[in-house]
Amino acid sequence: MNKYYYDLHIHSCLSPCGDDDNTPNNIAGLATLCNLNIVALTDHNTCKNCPAFFQAAKKNGIIPVAGMELTTSEDIHAVCLFETLEAAMEFDREVDAKRIKIKNNIQIFGRQQILDGDDNVIGEEEHFLPLATSISLEDVPDMVAAFGGVAFPAHIDRQSNGMIHVLGTFPETPFFSCFELHDEANSQEYINKYSLESKRRIIGSDAHYLTDMRDASAFIELCDTPYSSALVRKNLIRWLKGEE
């Protein structure tokens, strides 16, 4: 078992609220300076910059995780993470068919840039990404699990798109094995108030700017023998599911 310092909630320049400097290579490079070992790219309702991020992560010696911050029909954010890049891209196609597609206003919201592994712009998403999808919160865990992934409610200690702010509680159904807090200082308050003792806790930066990224603090102990990034990702997903 080894410690892996992580951030499982970071946005790239594909998210319209993400800064143009949040390119895959800049994120991966800064992650090494922050002494992070595992980083997940989780743009709003898309995984389309994850292939480039995997290439950038390999160059910088960090373990990438392909993910998405899904907006449910209730306007709740859920982080969805996948064991493989291929599964994430299949999930991306599934979600794309369930998005509400209204053209992005670049002047108001900014560009939604798709990049390659060298940070070259190879496309733009024309429809505004953060809008609620037609996917209900009830359907999220099973839908993500069908692609070999795991989902958890994002930043439950924040008002904007937080599950507790929207619903007023942490519901028993659908079942989530873990939850994310934005501020680690809120841990005991939320664990006690919503009886979350049996669930795994994640601390995520939800970084939209490079300056939002945090120095290594939160960590998970994972088995990594015989070592490979694929094995670490597999055991990370298992840990998040409560199987490790």
C-alpha atoms as a PDB file:
ATOM      1  CA  MET A   1       0.000   0.000   0.000  1.00  0.00           C
ATOM      2  CA  ASN A   2       1.324   3.438  -0.919  1.00  0.00           C
ATOM      3  CA  LYS A   3       0.051   6.975  -0.425  1.00  0.00           C
ATOM      4  CA  TYR A   4      -1.268   8.718  -3.508  1.00  0.00           C
ATOM      5  CA  TYR A   5      -1.931  12.438  -3.258  1.00  0.00           C
ATOM      6  CA  TYR A   6      -4.819  13.362  -5.483  1.00  0.00           C
ATOM      7  CA  ASP A   7      -7.141  15.953  -6.949  1.00  0.00           C
ATOM      8  CA  LEU A   8     -10.125  14.314  -8.623  1.00  0.00           C
ATOM      9  CA  HIS A   9     -11.954  17.447  -9.749  1.00  0.00           C
ATOM     10  CA  ILE A  10     -10.197  19.793 -12.180  1.00  0.00           C
ATOM     11  CA  HIS A  11     -11.540  21.639 -15.234  1.00  0.00           C
ATOM     12  CA  SER A  12      -9.731  22.409 -18.454  1.00  0.00           C
ATOM     13  CA  CYS A  13     -10.238  25.170 -20.995  1.00  0.00           C
ATOM     14  CA  LEU A  14     -13.027  23.052 -22.492  1.00  0.00           C
ATOM     15  CA  SER A  15     -15.278  24.109 -19.626  1.00  0.00           C
ATOM     16  CA  PRO A  16     -16.488  27.635 -20.487  1.00  0.00           C
ATOM     17  CA  CYS A  17     -15.891  28.743 -16.905  1.00  0.00           C
ATOM     18  CA  GLY A  18     -12.384  27.280 -17.083  1.00  0.00           C
ATOM     19  CA  ASP A  19      -9.513  29.599 -17.914  1.00  0.00           C
ATOM     20  CA  ASP A  20      -7.863  29.352 -21.335  1.00  0.00           C
ATOM     21  CA  ASP A  21      -4.577  28.668 -19.507  1.00  0.00           C
ATOM     22  CA  ASN A  22      -6.056  25.454 -18.099  1.00  0.00           C
ATOM     23  CA  THR A  23      -4.642  23.352 -20.885  1.00  0.00           C
ATOM     24  CA  PRO A  24      -3.920  19.634 -20.403  1.00  0.00           C
ATOM     25  CA  ASN A  25      -0.160  20.235 -20.306  1.00  0.00           C
ATOM     26  CA  ASN A  26      -0.394  23.190 -17.919  1.00  0.00           C
ATOM     27  CA  ILE A  27      -2.609  21.196 -15.566  1.00  0.00           C
ATOM     28  CA  ALA A  28      -0.308  18.174 -15.662  1.00  0.00           C
ATOM     29  CA  GLY A  29       2.805  20.302 -15.241  1.00  0.00           C
ATOM     30  CA  LEU A  30       1.415  22.235 -12.302  1.00  0.00           C
ATOM     31  CA  ALA A  31       0.186  18.994 -10.738  1.00  0.00           C
ATOM     32  CA  THR A  32       3.786  17.831 -10.513  1.00  0.00           C
ATOM     33  CA  LEU A  33       4.777  21.116  -8.837  1.00  0.00           C
ATOM     34  CA  CYS A  34       1.924  20.583  -6.384  1.00  0.00           C
ATOM     35  CA  ASN A  35       3.299  17.081  -5.689  1.00  0.00           C
ATOM     36  CA  LEU A  36       0.067  15.424  -6.813  1.00  0.00           C
ATOM     37  CA  ASN A  37       0.196  11.804  -7.957  1.00  0.00           C
ATOM     38  CA  ILE A  38      -3.319  11.250  -9.331  1.00  0.00           C
ATOM     39  CA  VAL A  39      -5.331  13.902 -11.156  1.00  0.00           C
ATOM     40  CA  ALA A  40      -8.761  13.618 -12.755  1.00  0.00           C
ATOM     41  CA  LEU A  41      -9.931  15.899 -15.535  1.00  0.00           C
ATOM     42  CA  THR A  42     -13.631  16.595 -15.037  1.00  0.00           C
ATOM     43  CA  ASP A  43     -15.046  19.105 -17.475  1.00  0.00           C
ATOM     44  CA  HIS A  44     -18.726  19.985 -17.512  1.00  0.00           C
ATOM     45  CA  ASN A  45     -20.738  17.262 -19.284  1.00  0.00           C
ATOM     46  CA  THR A  46     -17.833  16.199 -21.506  1.00  0.00           C
ATOM     47  CA  CYS A  47     -14.668  14.079 -21.550  1.00  0.00           C
ATOM     48  CA  LYS A  48     -13.342  15.401 -24.845  1.00  0.00           C
ATOM     49  CA  ASN A  49     -10.101  16.828 -23.419  1.00  0.00           C
ATOM     50  CA  CYS A  50      -9.290  13.629 -21.543  1.00  0.00           C
ATOM     51  CA  PRO A  51      -7.315  12.049 -24.434  1.00  0.00           C
ATOM     52  CA  ALA A  52      -5.010  15.076 -24.526  1.00  0.00           C
ATOM     53  CA  PHE A  53      -4.746  15.055 -20.741  1.00  0.00           C
ATOM     54  CA  PHE A  54      -3.637  11.418 -20.754  1.00  0.00           C
ATOM     55  CA  GLN A  55      -0.813  12.321 -23.119  1.00  0.00           C
ATOM     56  CA  ALA A  56       0.186  15.343 -21.029  1.00  0.00           C
ATOM     57  CA  ALA A  57       0.082  13.324 -17.805  1.00  0.00           C
ATOM     58  CA  LYS A  58       2.380  10.672 -19.246  1.00  0.00           C
ATOM     59  CA  LYS A  59       4.953  13.349 -20.123  1.00  0.00           C
ATOM     60  CA  ASN A  60       4.779  14.762 -16.601  1.00  0.00           C
ATOM     61  CA  GLY A  61       4.792  11.508 -14.659  1.00  0.00           C
ATOM     62  CA  ILE A  62       1.357  11.739 -13.052  1.00  0.00           C
ATOM     63  CA  ILE A  63      -1.492   9.232 -13.168  1.00  0.00           C
ATOM     64  CA  PRO A  64      -4.450  10.607 -15.133  1.00  0.00           C
ATOM     65  CA  VAL A  65      -8.086   9.712 -14.563  1.00  0.00           C
ATOM     66  CA  ALA A  66     -10.699  10.407 -17.221  1.00  0.00           C
ATOM     67  CA  GLY A  67     -13.804  11.978 -15.784  1.00  0.00           C
ATOM     68  CA  MET A  68     -16.684  14.388 -16.110  1.00  0.00           C
ATOM     69  CA  GLU A  69     -18.654  16.725 -13.877  1.00  0.00           C
ATOM     70  CA  LEU A  70     -22.167  15.760 -14.875  1.00  0.00           C
ATOM     71  CA  THR A  71     -25.074  18.163 -14.367  1.00  0.00           C
ATOM     72  CA  THR A  72     -28.228  16.215 -13.569  1.00  0.00           C
ATOM     73  CA  SER A  73     -31.768  17.193 -14.512  1.00  0.00           C
ATOM     74  CA  GLU A  74     -32.136  18.541 -10.952  1.00  0.00           C
ATOM     75  CA  ASP A  75     -29.144  20.844 -11.607  1.00  0.00           C
ATOM     76  CA  ILE A  76     -26.940  18.859  -9.206  1.00  0.00           C
ATOM     77  CA  HIS A  77     -23.274  18.263 -10.003  1.00  0.00           C
ATOM     78  CA  ALA A  78     -21.875  14.738  -9.806  1.00  0.00           C
ATOM     79  CA  VAL A  79     -18.271  13.755 -10.488  1.00  0.00           C
ATOM     80  CA  CYS A  80     -18.026  10.667 -12.704  1.00  0.00           C
ATOM     81  CA  LEU A  81     -14.687   8.837 -12.923  1.00  0.00           C
ATOM     82  CA  PHE A  82     -13.672   5.907 -15.097  1.00  0.00           C
ATOM     83  CA  GLU A  83     -11.076   3.165 -14.969  1.00  0.00           C
ATOM     84  CA  THR A  84     -10.180   3.560 -18.642  1.00  0.00           C
ATOM     85  CA  LEU A  85     -10.065   6.406 -21.115  1.00  0.00           C
ATOM     86  CA  GLU A  86     -12.027   4.308 -23.604  1.00  0.00           C
ATOM     87  CA  ALA A  87     -14.912   3.835 -21.160  1.00  0.00           C
ATOM     88  CA  ALA A  88     -14.964   7.567 -20.424  1.00  0.00           C
ATOM     89  CA  MET A  89     -15.239   8.409 -24.111  1.00  0.00           C
ATOM     90  CA  GLU A  90     -18.113   5.954 -24.521  1.00  0.00           C
ATOM     91  CA  PHE A  91     -19.834   7.601 -21.552  1.00  0.00           C
ATOM     92  CA  ASP A  92     -19.185  10.977 -23.184  1.00  0.00           C
ATOM     93  CA  ARG A  93     -21.152   9.869 -26.237  1.00  0.00           C
ATOM     94  CA  GLU A  94     -23.996   8.631 -24.034  1.00  0.00           C
ATOM     95  CA  VAL A  95     -24.204  11.936 -22.171  1.00  0.00           C
ATOM     96  CA  ASP A  96     -23.920  13.987 -25.359  1.00  0.00           C
ATOM     97  CA  ALA A  97     -27.219  12.511 -26.548  1.00  0.00           C
ATOM     98  CA  LYS A  98     -28.895  13.643 -23.322  1.00  0.00           C
ATOM     99  CA  ARG A  99     -27.647  17.230 -23.266  1.00  0.00           C
ATOM    100  CA  ILE A 100     -29.769  20.322 -23.839  1.00  0.00           C
ATOM    101  CA  LYS A 101     -27.997  21.940 -26.748  1.00  0.00           C
ATOM    102  CA  ILE A 102     -28.025  25.726 -26.825  1.00  0.00           C
ATOM    103  CA  LYS A 103     -25.217  27.499 -28.641  1.00  0.00           C
ATOM    104  CA  ASN A 104     -22.473  28.887 -26.456  1.00  0.00           C
ATOM    105  CA  ASN A 105     -22.120  32.670 -26.340  1.00  0.00           C
ATOM    106  CA  ILE A 106     -18.340  33.073 -26.428  1.00  0.00           C
ATOM    107  CA  GLN A 107     -18.493  36.775 -25.532  1.00  0.00           C
ATOM    108  CA  ILE A 108     -20.344  35.985 -22.304  1.00  0.00           C
ATOM    109  CA  PHE A 109     -19.117  32.549 -21.261  1.00  0.00           C
ATOM    110  CA  GLY A 110     -15.797  32.113 -23.038  1.00  0.00           C
ATOM    111  CA  ARG A 111     -14.485  29.520 -25.470  1.00  0.00           C
ATOM    112  CA  GLN A 112     -14.898  25.766 -25.087  1.00  0.00           C
ATOM    113  CA  GLN A 113     -11.651  24.485 -26.577  1.00  0.00           C
ATOM    114  CA  ILE A 114     -10.773  20.903 -27.469  1.00  0.00           C
ATOM    115  CA  LEU A 115      -6.994  20.389 -27.481  1.00  0.00           C
ATOM    116  CA  ASP A 116      -4.512  17.746 -28.544  1.00  0.00           C
ATOM    117  CA  GLY A 117      -1.622  16.379 -26.496  1.00  0.00           C
ATOM    118  CA  ASP A 118       0.546  19.385 -27.386  1.00  0.00           C
ATOM    119  CA  ASP A 119      -2.135  21.917 -26.372  1.00  0.00           C
ATOM    120  CA  ASN A 120      -3.017  22.782 -29.971  1.00  0.00           C
ATOM    121  CA  VAL A 121      -6.664  23.712 -30.488  1.00  0.00           C
ATOM    122  CA  ILE A 122      -8.239  21.012 -32.662  1.00  0.00           C
ATOM    123  CA  GLY A 123     -11.881  21.974 -32.190  1.00  0.00           C
ATOM    124  CA  GLU A 124     -14.469  23.800 -30.145  1.00  0.00           C
ATOM    125  CA  GLU A 125     -17.674  22.628 -28.536  1.00  0.00           C
ATOM    126  CA  GLU A 126     -20.353  24.864 -30.001  1.00  0.00           C
ATOM    127  CA  HIS A 127     -23.095  24.132 -27.471  1.00  0.00           C
ATOM    128  CA  PHE A 128     -22.958  25.506 -23.925  1.00  0.00           C
ATOM    129  CA  LEU A 129     -21.685  22.644 -21.781  1.00  0.00           C
ATOM    130  CA  PRO A 130     -22.797  23.309 -18.159  1.00  0.00           C
ATOM    131  CA  LEU A 131     -26.553  23.155 -18.821  1.00  0.00           C
ATOM    132  CA  ALA A 132     -28.529  20.459 -17.006  1.00  0.00           C
ATOM    133  CA  THR A 133     -28.847  17.171 -18.878  1.00  0.00           C
ATOM    134  CA  SER A 134     -31.947  14.982 -18.997  1.00  0.00           C
ATOM    135  CA  ILE A 135     -30.218  12.482 -16.667  1.00  0.00           C
ATOM    136  CA  SER A 136     -31.780  12.349 -13.207  1.00  0.00           C
ATOM    137  CA  LEU A 137     -29.729  11.982 -10.038  1.00  0.00           C
ATOM    138  CA  GLU A 138     -31.516   8.691  -9.436  1.00  0.00           C
ATOM    139  CA  ASP A 139     -30.041   7.255 -12.630  1.00  0.00           C
ATOM    140  CA  VAL A 140     -26.461   8.486 -12.239  1.00  0.00           C
ATOM    141  CA  PRO A 141     -24.844   5.709 -10.133  1.00  0.00           C
ATOM    142  CA  ASP A 142     -26.073   2.820 -12.295  1.00  0.00           C
ATOM    143  CA  MET A 143     -25.443   4.682 -15.539  1.00  0.00           C
ATOM    144  CA  VAL A 144     -21.824   5.376 -14.615  1.00  0.00           C
ATOM    145  CA  ALA A 145     -21.325   1.859 -13.228  1.00  0.00           C
ATOM    146  CA  ALA A 146     -22.420   0.434 -16.586  1.00  0.00           C
ATOM    147  CA  PHE A 147     -19.238   1.981 -18.010  1.00  0.00           C
ATOM    148  CA  GLY A 148     -17.059   0.609 -15.215  1.00  0.00           C
ATOM    149  CA  GLY A 149     -16.944   3.918 -13.381  1.00  0.00           C
ATOM    150  CA  VAL A 150     -18.030   5.475 -10.123  1.00  0.00           C
ATOM    151  CA  ALA A 151     -20.000   8.650  -9.410  1.00  0.00           C
ATOM    152  CA  PHE A 152     -20.282  10.824  -6.333  1.00  0.00           C
ATOM    153  CA  PRO A 153     -22.000  14.122  -5.508  1.00  0.00           C
ATOM    154  CA  ALA A 154     -19.659  17.061  -6.009  1.00  0.00           C
ATOM    155  CA  HIS A 155     -18.853  19.762  -3.443  1.00  0.00           C
ATOM    156  CA  ILE A 156     -21.758  18.976  -1.118  1.00  0.00           C
ATOM    157  CA  ASP A 157     -20.563  21.785   1.167  1.00  0.00           C
ATOM    158  CA  ARG A 158     -21.231  24.461  -1.459  1.00  0.00           C
ATOM    159  CA  GLN A 159     -24.499  26.084  -2.442  1.00  0.00           C
ATOM    160  CA  SER A 160     -23.966  26.227  -6.190  1.00  0.00           C
ATOM    161  CA  ASN A 161     -25.144  22.902  -7.653  1.00  0.00           C
ATOM    162  CA  GLY A 162     -24.447  21.045  -4.408  1.00  0.00           C
ATOM    163  CA  MET A 163     -26.721  18.086  -3.704  1.00  0.00           C
ATOM    164  CA  ILE A 164     -27.472  19.036  -0.108  1.00  0.00           C
ATOM    165  CA  HIS A 165     -28.266  22.647  -1.040  1.00  0.00           C
ATOM    166  CA  VAL A 166     -30.652  21.476  -3.782  1.00  0.00           C
ATOM    167  CA  LEU A 167     -32.306  18.573  -1.913  1.00  0.00           C
ATOM    168  CA  GLY A 168     -31.825  19.667   1.692  1.00  0.00           C
ATOM    169  CA  THR A 169     -30.325  16.302   2.633  1.00  0.00           C
ATOM    170  CA  PHE A 170     -27.992  13.493   1.590  1.00  0.00           C
ATOM    171  CA  PRO A 171     -30.596  10.965   0.392  1.00  0.00           C
ATOM    172  CA  GLU A 172     -30.402   7.222   1.030  1.00  0.00           C
ATOM    173  CA  THR A 173     -31.326   6.641  -2.605  1.00  0.00           C
ATOM    174  CA  PRO A 174     -29.736   6.765  -5.013  1.00  0.00           C
ATOM    175  CA  PHE A 175     -26.849   5.169  -3.160  1.00  0.00           C
ATOM    176  CA  PHE A 176     -23.466   6.887  -3.348  1.00  0.00           C
ATOM    177  CA  SER A 177     -20.460   5.181  -1.756  1.00  0.00           C
ATOM    178  CA  CYS A 178     -18.539   8.453  -1.434  1.00  0.00           C
ATOM    179  CA  PHE A 179     -18.953  12.218  -1.456  1.00  0.00           C
ATOM    180  CA  GLU A 180     -16.835  15.254  -2.235  1.00  0.00           C
ATOM    181  CA  LEU A 181     -16.169  18.288  -0.076  1.00  0.00           C
ATOM    182  CA  HIS A 182     -14.589  21.460  -1.372  1.00  0.00           C
ATOM    183  CA  ASP A 183     -13.273  22.491   2.040  1.00  0.00           C
ATOM    184  CA  GLU A 184     -11.681  19.814   4.217  1.00  0.00           C
ATOM    185  CA  ALA A 185     -12.450  21.898   7.301  1.00  0.00           C
ATOM    186  CA  ASN A 186     -16.146  21.069   6.778  1.00  0.00           C
ATOM    187  CA  SER A 187     -15.567  17.317   7.083  1.00  0.00           C
ATOM    188  CA  GLN A 188     -16.701  16.596  10.619  1.00  0.00           C
ATOM    189  CA  GLU A 189     -19.685  18.933  10.426  1.00  0.00           C
ATOM    190  CA  TYR A 190     -21.072  17.257   7.314  1.00  0.00           C
ATOM    191  CA  ILE A 191     -20.217  13.721   8.399  1.00  0.00           C
ATOM    192  CA  ASN A 192     -22.039  14.213  11.702  1.00  0.00           C
ATOM    193  CA  LYS A 193     -24.999  16.181  10.381  1.00  0.00           C
ATOM    194  CA  TYR A 194     -25.774  13.834   7.480  1.00  0.00           C
ATOM    195  CA  SER A 195     -24.579  10.515   8.958  1.00  0.00           C
ATOM    196  CA  LEU A 196     -21.861   9.968   6.376  1.00  0.00           C
ATOM    197  CA  GLU A 197     -19.514   7.917   8.562  1.00  0.00           C
ATOM    198  CA  SER A 198     -19.763   4.839   6.333  1.00  0.00           C
ATOM    199  CA  LYS A 199     -18.955   6.698   3.103  1.00  0.00           C
ATOM    200  CA  ARG A 200     -15.601   7.538   1.542  1.00  0.00           C
ATOM    201  CA  ARG A 201     -14.708  11.229   1.666  1.00  0.00           C
ATOM    202  CA  ILE A 202     -13.019  13.050  -1.201  1.00  0.00           C
ATOM    203  CA  ILE A 203     -11.553  16.560  -1.085  1.00  0.00           C
ATOM    204  CA  GLY A 204     -11.623  18.278  -4.485  1.00  0.00           C
ATOM    205  CA  SER A 205     -10.417  21.671  -5.639  1.00  0.00           C
ATOM    206  CA  ASP A 206     -12.936  22.070  -8.491  1.00  0.00           C
ATOM    207  CA  ALA A 207     -10.143  24.113 -10.066  1.00  0.00           C
ATOM    208  CA  HIS A 208     -11.180  26.299 -13.009  1.00  0.00           C
ATOM    209  CA  TYR A 209      -7.959  28.332 -12.949  1.00  0.00           C
ATOM    210  CA  LEU A 210      -4.396  27.155 -12.443  1.00  0.00           C
ATOM    211  CA  THR A 211      -4.278  29.298  -9.318  1.00  0.00           C
ATOM    212  CA  ASP A 212      -7.133  27.176  -7.892  1.00  0.00           C
ATOM    213  CA  MET A 213      -4.992  24.048  -7.876  1.00  0.00           C
ATOM    214  CA  ARG A 214      -3.812  23.029  -4.419  1.00  0.00           C
ATOM    215  CA  ASP A 215      -0.608  21.622  -2.997  1.00  0.00           C
ATOM    216  CA  ALA A 216      -0.768  17.945  -2.123  1.00  0.00           C
ATOM    217  CA  SER A 217      -2.723  17.319   1.066  1.00  0.00           C
ATOM    218  CA  ALA A 218      -5.481  14.739   0.648  1.00  0.00           C
ATOM    219  CA  PHE A 219      -4.294  11.213  -0.072  1.00  0.00           C
ATOM    220  CA  ILE A 220      -5.541   7.654  -0.526  1.00  0.00           C
ATOM    221  CA  GLU A 221      -3.572   4.511   0.244  1.00  0.00           C
ATOM    222  CA  LEU A 222      -3.706   2.102  -2.689  1.00  0.00           C
ATOM    223  CA  CYS A 223      -2.138  -1.210  -3.597  1.00  0.00           C
ATOM    224  CA  ASP A 224       0.060  -0.793  -6.671  1.00  0.00           C
ATOM    225  CA  THR A 225       1.982  -4.068  -7.052  1.00  0.00           C
ATOM    226  CA  PRO A 226       3.015  -4.952  -9.717  1.00  0.00           C
ATOM    227  CA  TYR A 227       3.054  -1.253 -10.514  1.00  0.00           C
ATOM    228  CA  SER A 228       1.198   0.252 -13.463  1.00  0.00           C
ATOM    229  CA  SER A 229      -0.892   3.387 -13.811  1.00  0.00           C
ATOM    230  CA  ALA A 230      -3.759   1.185 -14.995  1.00  0.00           C
ATOM    231  CA  LEU A 231      -3.614  -0.814 -11.754  1.00  0.00           C
ATOM    232  CA  VAL A 232      -3.581   2.351  -9.650  1.00  0.00           C
ATOM    233  CA  ARG A 233      -6.637   3.650 -11.535  1.00  0.00           C
ATOM    234  CA  LYS A 234      -8.403   0.318 -11.122  1.00  0.00           C
ATOM    235  CA  ASN A 235      -7.765   0.262  -7.382  1.00  0.00           C
ATOM    236  CA  LEU A 236      -8.728   3.924  -7.054  1.00  0.00           C
ATOM    237  CA  ILE A 237     -12.135   3.188  -8.591  1.00  0.00           C
ATOM    238  CA  ARG A 238     -12.506   0.155  -6.337  1.00  0.00           C
ATOM    239  CA  TRP A 239     -11.634   2.295  -3.291  1.00  0.00           C
ATOM    240  CA  LEU A 240     -14.198   4.912  -4.276  1.00  0.00           C
ATOM    241  CA  LYS A 241     -16.799   2.166  -4.610  1.00  0.00           C
ATOM    242  CA  GLY A 242     -15.923   0.963  -1.124  1.00  0.00           C
ATOM    243  CA  GLU A 243     -14.503  -2.331  -2.417  1.00  0.00           C
ATOM    244  CA  GLU A 244     -10.932  -1.784  -1.157  1.00  0.00           C
END
